[in-house]
Amino acid sequence: MSHQTFLYHPKISEVLRNINKVMIGKDEEALLSVVALLAKGHVLLEDVPGVGKTMLVRTLAKSMDCDFKRIQFTPDLLPSDVTGVSIYNPKTLEFEFRPGPILGNIVLADEINRTSPKTQSSLLEGMEETNITVDGEAVPLQRPFFVMATQNPIEYEGTYPLPEAQLDRFLLKLKMGYPTQKQEMEMLARTSGSHPIHDVEAVITREELIELQHQVEEVYVDSTVHHYIVDLVTGTRNHEGVYLGVSPRGSIALMKAAKAYAFIKDRDYVLPDDVKFLAANVLSHRIILTSETKFEGTTAEDIVSNILSDIAVPVQRNVSE
């Protein structure tokens, strides 16, 4: 059954319509970003500069009336530049906390692999724990809280690649890709005057977004779908081209993403097709390939695609068929 046969949730349709006013030809990337946001997850966007990563995050924030923050990661960035710092006020004779950019609702962590592991961990702590530690005290983050981190796959000199355990913290990994010639022509036409992002208005409030996230948690997942998820994840662990397969955290991530995707499709239950559609984006960055597999040019996405083709999608057939 095609995914296009289902209508989008009315509120999500308005958000996606806003993104389409700003972004051209990035419907799937926009949809998957909203999946991660509704599932209370985070996105790692691996692509070259200038393909619209910042515009996507800013449009999301404006559409949902959320506080947008951007962190440009550099080698000299300190953890306190991310989390904030306590400054002594001589008038009150007390330390006052000055919040860092991580205390926004929607945070763009630009070129996260350009900063030291210590500074990376300050962001990743917030993503995992929904609070940060400042001067030994826990500071709760705002709700909703969504991080889209970017990294440039081309320039590796002077970078600090994210360890596998930290990559696992991201619900989805996306790639934007270059636009087609026709799309780029349309992009030039749209931006020749005022940029369309200036006309984007909020269509969802923060409170409504939090309520939608709660509704996503109530989406039903049948045991058949649970089996399918576990079969796919087990397939990554047993594949001969894989050194280290997907952990149980990956199984949970795939289930959460599928619930959010079903909700966007205006359903209160998950279909196996939802899992299949999301599998590559949820699982590929959680797989470590063997050196032989890398040498052959096989990617983690290829491995997931092979596993999807090997494992039958559970379906309910009519008796007459």
Protein backbone atom coordinates (compact mmCIF):
# COMPACT_ATOMS: atom_id res chain seq x y z
CA MET A 1 0.00 0.00 0.00
CA SER A 2 1.39 3.41 -0.97
CA HIS A 3 2.18 5.98 1.66
CA GLN A 4 0.60 8.62 -0.56
CA THR A 5 -2.86 7.10 -0.05
CA PHE A 6 -2.95 8.56 3.48
CA LEU A 7 -3.58 12.20 4.25
CA TYR A 8 -1.25 14.05 6.56
CA HIS A 9 -2.35 15.16 10.00
CA PRO A 10 -3.92 18.64 9.48
CA LYS A 11 -1.46 20.49 11.74
CA ILE A 12 1.56 18.73 10.23
CA SER A 13 0.29 19.52 6.73
CA GLU A 14 0.47 23.22 7.60
CA VAL A 15 4.06 22.86 8.85
CA LEU A 16 5.14 20.98 5.72
CA ARG A 17 3.41 23.58 3.56
CA ASN A 18 5.49 26.27 5.27
CA ILE A 19 8.70 24.33 4.65
CA ASN A 20 7.78 23.88 0.98
CA LYS A 21 7.51 27.66 0.62
CA VAL A 22 11.15 27.97 1.65
CA MET A 23 12.71 24.66 0.55
CA ILE A 24 12.42 23.27 -2.97
CA GLY A 25 12.46 19.53 -3.68
CA LYS A 26 13.18 18.52 -0.08
CA ASP A 27 9.79 17.03 0.81
CA GLU A 28 11.16 13.79 2.25
CA GLU A 29 13.87 15.51 4.30
CA ALA A 30 11.27 17.92 5.71
CA LEU A 31 8.94 15.05 6.54
CA LEU A 32 11.68 13.06 8.29
CA SER A 33 12.74 16.10 10.31
CA VAL A 34 9.17 16.45 11.59
CA VAL A 35 9.16 12.70 12.37
CA ALA A 36 12.20 13.17 14.61
CA LEU A 37 10.73 16.26 16.28
CA LEU A 38 7.43 14.52 17.09
CA ALA A 39 9.28 11.43 18.35
CA LYS A 40 11.34 13.66 20.71
CA GLY A 41 14.46 12.61 18.82
CA HIS A 42 17.27 14.50 17.10
CA VAL A 43 18.69 14.61 13.56
CA LEU A 44 22.23 14.33 12.22
CA LEU A 45 22.48 15.98 8.82
CA GLU A 46 25.57 15.00 6.88
CA ASP A 47 26.06 17.11 3.78
CA VAL A 48 28.14 19.80 2.13
CA PRO A 49 27.57 23.48 3.05
CA GLY A 50 24.97 25.57 1.25
CA VAL A 51 22.25 22.98 0.56
CA GLY A 52 19.65 24.46 2.91
CA LYS A 53 20.27 22.87 6.31
CA THR A 54 19.93 26.15 8.23
CA MET A 55 16.83 27.19 6.28
CA LEU A 56 15.13 23.88 7.12
CA VAL A 57 15.71 24.27 10.87
CA ARG A 58 14.78 27.95 10.93
CA THR A 59 11.54 27.28 9.06
CA LEU A 60 10.66 24.50 11.48
CA ALA A 61 11.25 26.83 14.42
CA LYS A 62 9.20 29.69 12.93
CA SER A 63 6.35 27.34 11.96
CA MET A 64 6.04 26.12 15.55
CA ASP A 65 6.66 29.43 17.32
CA CYS A 66 9.77 27.93 18.90
CA ASP A 67 12.93 29.61 20.15
CA PHE A 68 15.65 28.99 17.52
CA LYS A 69 19.33 28.90 18.50
CA ARG A 70 22.40 28.24 16.37
CA ILE A 71 25.79 27.02 17.58
CA GLN A 72 28.71 27.29 15.16
CA PHE A 73 31.14 24.66 16.37
CA THR A 74 34.82 25.55 16.10
CA PRO A 75 37.97 23.91 17.53
CA ASP A 76 38.26 26.55 20.28
CA LEU A 77 34.64 26.31 21.45
CA LEU A 78 34.29 25.49 25.16
CA PRO A 79 31.49 23.48 26.85
CA SER A 80 30.40 26.65 28.67
CA ASP A 81 29.89 28.33 25.26
CA VAL A 82 27.19 25.72 24.65
CA THR A 83 25.62 25.30 28.09
CA GLY A 84 26.05 28.78 29.54
CA VAL A 85 28.06 30.11 32.44
CA SER A 86 27.58 31.55 35.93
CA ILE A 87 28.85 35.14 36.25
CA TYR A 88 29.40 36.97 39.52
CA ASN A 89 27.21 40.06 39.94
CA PRO A 90 28.93 42.54 42.30
CA LYS A 91 25.62 44.36 42.93
CA THR A 92 23.75 41.34 44.26
CA LEU A 93 26.93 39.60 45.52
CA GLU A 94 25.65 36.41 43.85
CA PHE A 95 26.45 34.32 40.80
CA GLU A 96 23.92 34.64 37.97
CA PHE A 97 23.44 31.98 35.32
CA ARG A 98 23.69 33.22 31.74
CA PRO A 99 22.10 30.51 29.57
CA GLY A 100 23.91 29.22 26.50
CA PRO A 101 22.33 28.47 23.10
CA ILE A 102 21.47 24.89 24.12
CA LEU A 103 18.61 26.35 26.15
CA GLY A 104 16.54 26.99 23.04
CA ASN A 105 13.66 24.89 21.70
CA ILE A 106 15.13 24.11 18.30
CA VAL A 107 18.92 24.14 18.11
CA LEU A 108 21.10 23.98 15.00
CA ALA A 109 24.49 22.51 15.93
CA ASP A 110 26.49 23.48 12.86
CA GLU A 111 29.56 21.37 11.96
CA ILE A 112 29.54 19.43 15.22
CA ASN A 113 32.60 17.43 14.17
CA ARG A 114 34.76 20.59 14.15
CA THR A 115 34.86 20.89 17.95
CA SER A 116 36.54 18.83 20.66
CA PRO A 117 34.92 15.70 22.13
CA LYS A 118 34.56 17.53 25.47
CA THR A 119 32.43 20.26 23.87
CA GLN A 120 30.52 17.70 21.79
CA SER A 121 29.63 15.84 24.99
CA SER A 122 28.07 18.97 26.52
CA LEU A 123 25.55 19.01 23.67
CA LEU A 124 25.05 15.26 23.67
CA GLU A 125 24.36 15.22 27.41
CA GLY A 126 21.46 17.59 26.85
CA MET A 127 20.13 15.49 23.97
CA GLU A 128 20.11 12.34 26.09
CA GLU A 129 19.25 13.60 29.57
CA THR A 130 17.00 16.62 28.74
CA ASN A 131 19.09 18.64 31.19
CA ILE A 132 22.63 19.97 31.36
CA THR A 133 25.15 20.25 34.18
CA VAL A 134 26.45 23.74 35.03
CA ASP A 135 28.77 24.19 38.02
CA GLY A 136 27.75 20.77 39.31
CA GLU A 137 24.02 21.51 39.19
CA ALA A 138 21.44 20.11 36.78
CA VAL A 139 19.69 22.73 34.64
CA PRO A 140 16.53 21.47 32.86
CA LEU A 141 16.23 22.20 29.15
CA GLN A 142 13.22 23.86 27.55
CA ARG A 143 10.38 21.82 26.12
CA PRO A 144 10.14 21.00 23.32
CA PHE A 145 13.83 20.41 22.66
CA PHE A 146 15.12 19.39 19.25
CA VAL A 147 18.68 19.34 17.89
CA MET A 148 19.68 19.18 14.25
CA ALA A 149 23.43 18.69 14.07
CA THR A 150 25.34 19.01 10.80
CA GLN A 151 28.69 17.68 9.70
CA ASN A 152 30.60 18.10 6.46
CA PRO A 153 31.46 14.67 4.96
CA ILE A 154 34.20 16.10 2.71
CA GLU A 155 36.62 17.96 4.99
CA TYR A 156 38.15 15.66 7.59
CA GLU A 157 41.32 17.60 8.39
CA GLY A 158 41.12 19.18 11.84
CA THR A 159 37.84 17.46 12.71
CA TYR A 160 36.76 15.17 15.54
CA PRO A 161 34.46 12.46 14.13
CA LEU A 162 31.61 11.54 16.45
CA PRO A 163 32.22 8.19 18.18
CA GLU A 164 29.71 5.42 17.46
CA ALA A 165 28.20 5.70 20.96
CA GLN A 166 27.42 9.36 20.28
CA LEU A 167 26.09 8.77 16.78
CA ASP A 168 23.62 6.40 18.44
CA ARG A 169 22.05 9.40 20.22
CA PHE A 170 20.59 10.70 16.95
CA LEU A 171 17.23 9.26 15.98
CA LEU A 172 17.76 9.86 12.26
CA LYS A 173 20.58 10.61 9.87
CA LEU A 174 19.69 12.59 6.75
CA LYS A 175 21.38 13.86 3.61
CA MET A 176 20.02 16.86 1.73
CA GLY A 177 21.80 16.46 -1.60
CA TYR A 178 22.08 19.00 -4.40
CA PRO A 179 18.91 20.29 -6.10
CA THR A 180 18.15 19.45 -9.70
CA GLN A 181 18.79 22.11 -12.34
CA LYS A 182 15.06 22.92 -12.50
CA GLN A 183 14.83 23.18 -8.70
CA GLU A 184 17.86 25.46 -8.54
CA MET A 185 16.35 27.73 -11.21
CA GLU A 186 13.16 27.98 -9.13
CA MET A 187 15.28 28.69 -6.05
CA LEU A 188 16.92 31.67 -7.77
CA ALA A 189 13.51 32.98 -8.82
CA ARG A 190 12.11 32.71 -5.28
CA THR A 191 15.05 34.42 -3.61
CA SER A 192 15.60 37.22 -6.13
CA GLY A 193 13.58 39.55 -3.88
CA SER A 194 12.81 39.07 -0.21
CA HIS A 195 13.67 35.59 1.07
CA PRO A 196 10.51 33.48 1.55
CA ILE A 197 11.50 32.58 5.12
CA HIS A 198 10.59 36.14 6.17
CA ASP A 199 6.95 35.41 5.25
CA VAL A 200 6.72 32.19 7.28
CA GLU A 201 4.21 32.43 10.14
CA ALA A 202 3.65 30.10 13.09
CA VAL A 203 0.96 27.46 12.46
CA ILE A 204 1.48 25.51 15.71
CA THR A 205 2.17 26.82 19.19
CA ARG A 206 4.78 25.30 21.49
CA GLU A 207 2.01 23.94 23.70
CA GLU A 208 0.31 22.30 20.72
CA LEU A 209 3.61 20.72 19.66
CA ILE A 210 4.10 19.23 23.15
CA GLU A 211 0.54 17.87 23.00
CA LEU A 212 1.22 16.32 19.56
CA GLN A 213 4.33 14.64 21.01
CA HIS A 214 2.17 13.15 23.77
CA GLN A 215 -0.33 11.89 21.19
CA VAL A 216 2.48 10.21 19.23
CA GLU A 217 3.36 8.19 22.34
CA GLU A 218 -0.19 6.76 22.33
CA VAL A 219 0.06 5.38 18.77
CA TYR A 220 -0.51 1.60 18.79
CA VAL A 221 2.25 -0.81 17.73
CA ASP A 222 1.19 -4.42 17.17
CA SER A 223 3.41 -7.33 18.22
CA THR A 224 3.74 -8.23 14.53
CA VAL A 225 5.44 -4.89 13.94
CA HIS A 226 7.62 -5.43 17.03
CA HIS A 227 8.77 -8.74 15.51
CA TYR A 228 9.53 -7.05 12.20
CA ILE A 229 11.65 -4.37 13.90
CA VAL A 230 13.58 -6.96 15.91
CA ASP A 231 14.11 -9.11 12.79
CA LEU A 232 15.61 -6.13 10.93
CA VAL A 233 17.89 -5.17 13.81
CA THR A 234 18.99 -8.77 14.34
CA GLY A 235 19.76 -8.90 10.62
CA THR A 236 22.34 -6.12 11.07
CA ARG A 237 24.03 -8.08 13.86
CA ASN A 238 24.29 -11.27 11.82
CA HIS A 239 25.33 -9.74 8.48
CA GLU A 240 28.80 -10.82 7.33
CA GLY A 241 29.70 -7.30 6.22
CA VAL A 242 28.95 -5.77 9.62
CA TYR A 243 31.52 -5.54 12.42
CA LEU A 244 29.05 -4.19 14.97
CA GLY A 245 25.28 -4.25 14.48
CA VAL A 246 22.48 -2.08 15.77
CA SER A 247 21.97 -1.97 19.55
CA PRO A 248 18.61 -2.27 21.33
CA ARG A 249 18.54 1.54 21.43
CA GLY A 250 18.22 1.35 17.64
CA SER A 251 15.16 -0.94 17.94
CA ILE A 252 13.49 1.55 20.27
CA ALA A 253 14.42 4.44 17.96
CA LEU A 254 12.89 2.69 14.94
CA MET A 255 9.67 2.03 16.87
CA LYS A 256 9.44 5.65 18.08
CA ALA A 257 10.09 6.99 14.59
CA ALA A 258 7.45 4.65 13.12
CA LYS A 259 4.89 5.87 15.67
CA ALA A 260 5.60 9.49 14.74
CA TYR A 261 5.40 8.69 11.02
CA ALA A 262 2.07 6.88 11.47
CA PHE A 263 0.74 9.87 13.42
CA ILE A 264 1.80 12.25 10.64
CA LYS A 265 -0.09 10.00 8.23
CA ASP A 266 -3.13 10.58 10.48
CA ARG A 267 -3.23 7.03 11.82
CA ASP A 268 -3.26 5.80 15.42
CA TYR A 269 -1.48 2.55 14.55
CA VAL A 270 1.84 1.61 12.91
CA LEU A 271 2.09 -0.36 9.67
CA PRO A 272 5.10 -2.53 8.74
CA ASP A 273 5.51 -0.24 5.70
CA ASP A 274 6.18 2.66 8.08
CA VAL A 275 9.09 0.72 9.58
CA LYS A 276 10.41 -0.19 6.13
CA PHE A 277 10.27 3.44 4.95
CA LEU A 278 12.26 4.68 7.96
CA ALA A 279 14.72 1.81 8.43
CA ALA A 280 17.66 3.18 6.41
CA ASN A 281 17.57 6.62 8.07
CA VAL A 282 17.24 5.19 11.58
CA LEU A 283 19.64 2.23 11.37
CA SER A 284 22.45 3.02 8.91
CA HIS A 285 24.44 5.37 11.18
CA ARG A 286 24.30 2.79 13.99
CA ILE A 287 26.16 0.15 11.98
CA ILE A 288 29.95 -0.30 11.94
CA LEU A 289 31.14 -2.03 8.77
CA THR A 290 34.09 -4.41 8.49
CA SER A 291 37.20 -3.01 6.81
CA GLU A 292 36.69 -5.42 3.89
CA THR A 293 33.14 -4.12 3.33
CA LYS A 294 34.35 -0.51 3.36
CA PHE A 295 37.13 -1.38 0.91
CA GLU A 296 34.56 -2.88 -1.49
CA GLY A 297 32.67 0.42 -1.44
CA THR A 298 29.56 -1.00 0.24
CA THR A 299 27.76 1.49 2.49
CA ALA A 300 25.69 0.96 5.63
CA GLU A 301 22.65 2.04 3.59
CA ASP A 302 23.38 -0.80 1.15
CA ILE A 303 23.49 -3.26 4.06
CA VAL A 304 20.12 -2.06 5.41
CA SER A 305 18.64 -2.25 1.91
CA ASN A 306 19.84 -5.85 1.55
CA ILE A 307 18.36 -6.82 4.91
CA LEU A 308 15.03 -5.17 4.01
CA SER A 309 14.88 -7.19 0.80
CA ASP A 310 15.75 -10.43 2.62
CA ILE A 311 13.15 -10.12 5.38
CA ALA A 312 9.52 -10.42 4.35
CA VAL A 313 7.24 -7.55 5.32
CA PRO A 314 4.40 -8.97 7.47
CA VAL A 315 1.08 -8.40 5.67
CA GLN A 316 -2.54 -9.32 6.27
CA ARG A 317 -3.93 -10.98 3.18
CA ASN A 318 -7.55 -11.32 2.14
CA VAL A 319 -8.90 -14.87 1.99
CA SER A 320 -9.93 -14.36 -1.64
CA GLU A 321 -6.36 -13.64 -2.76
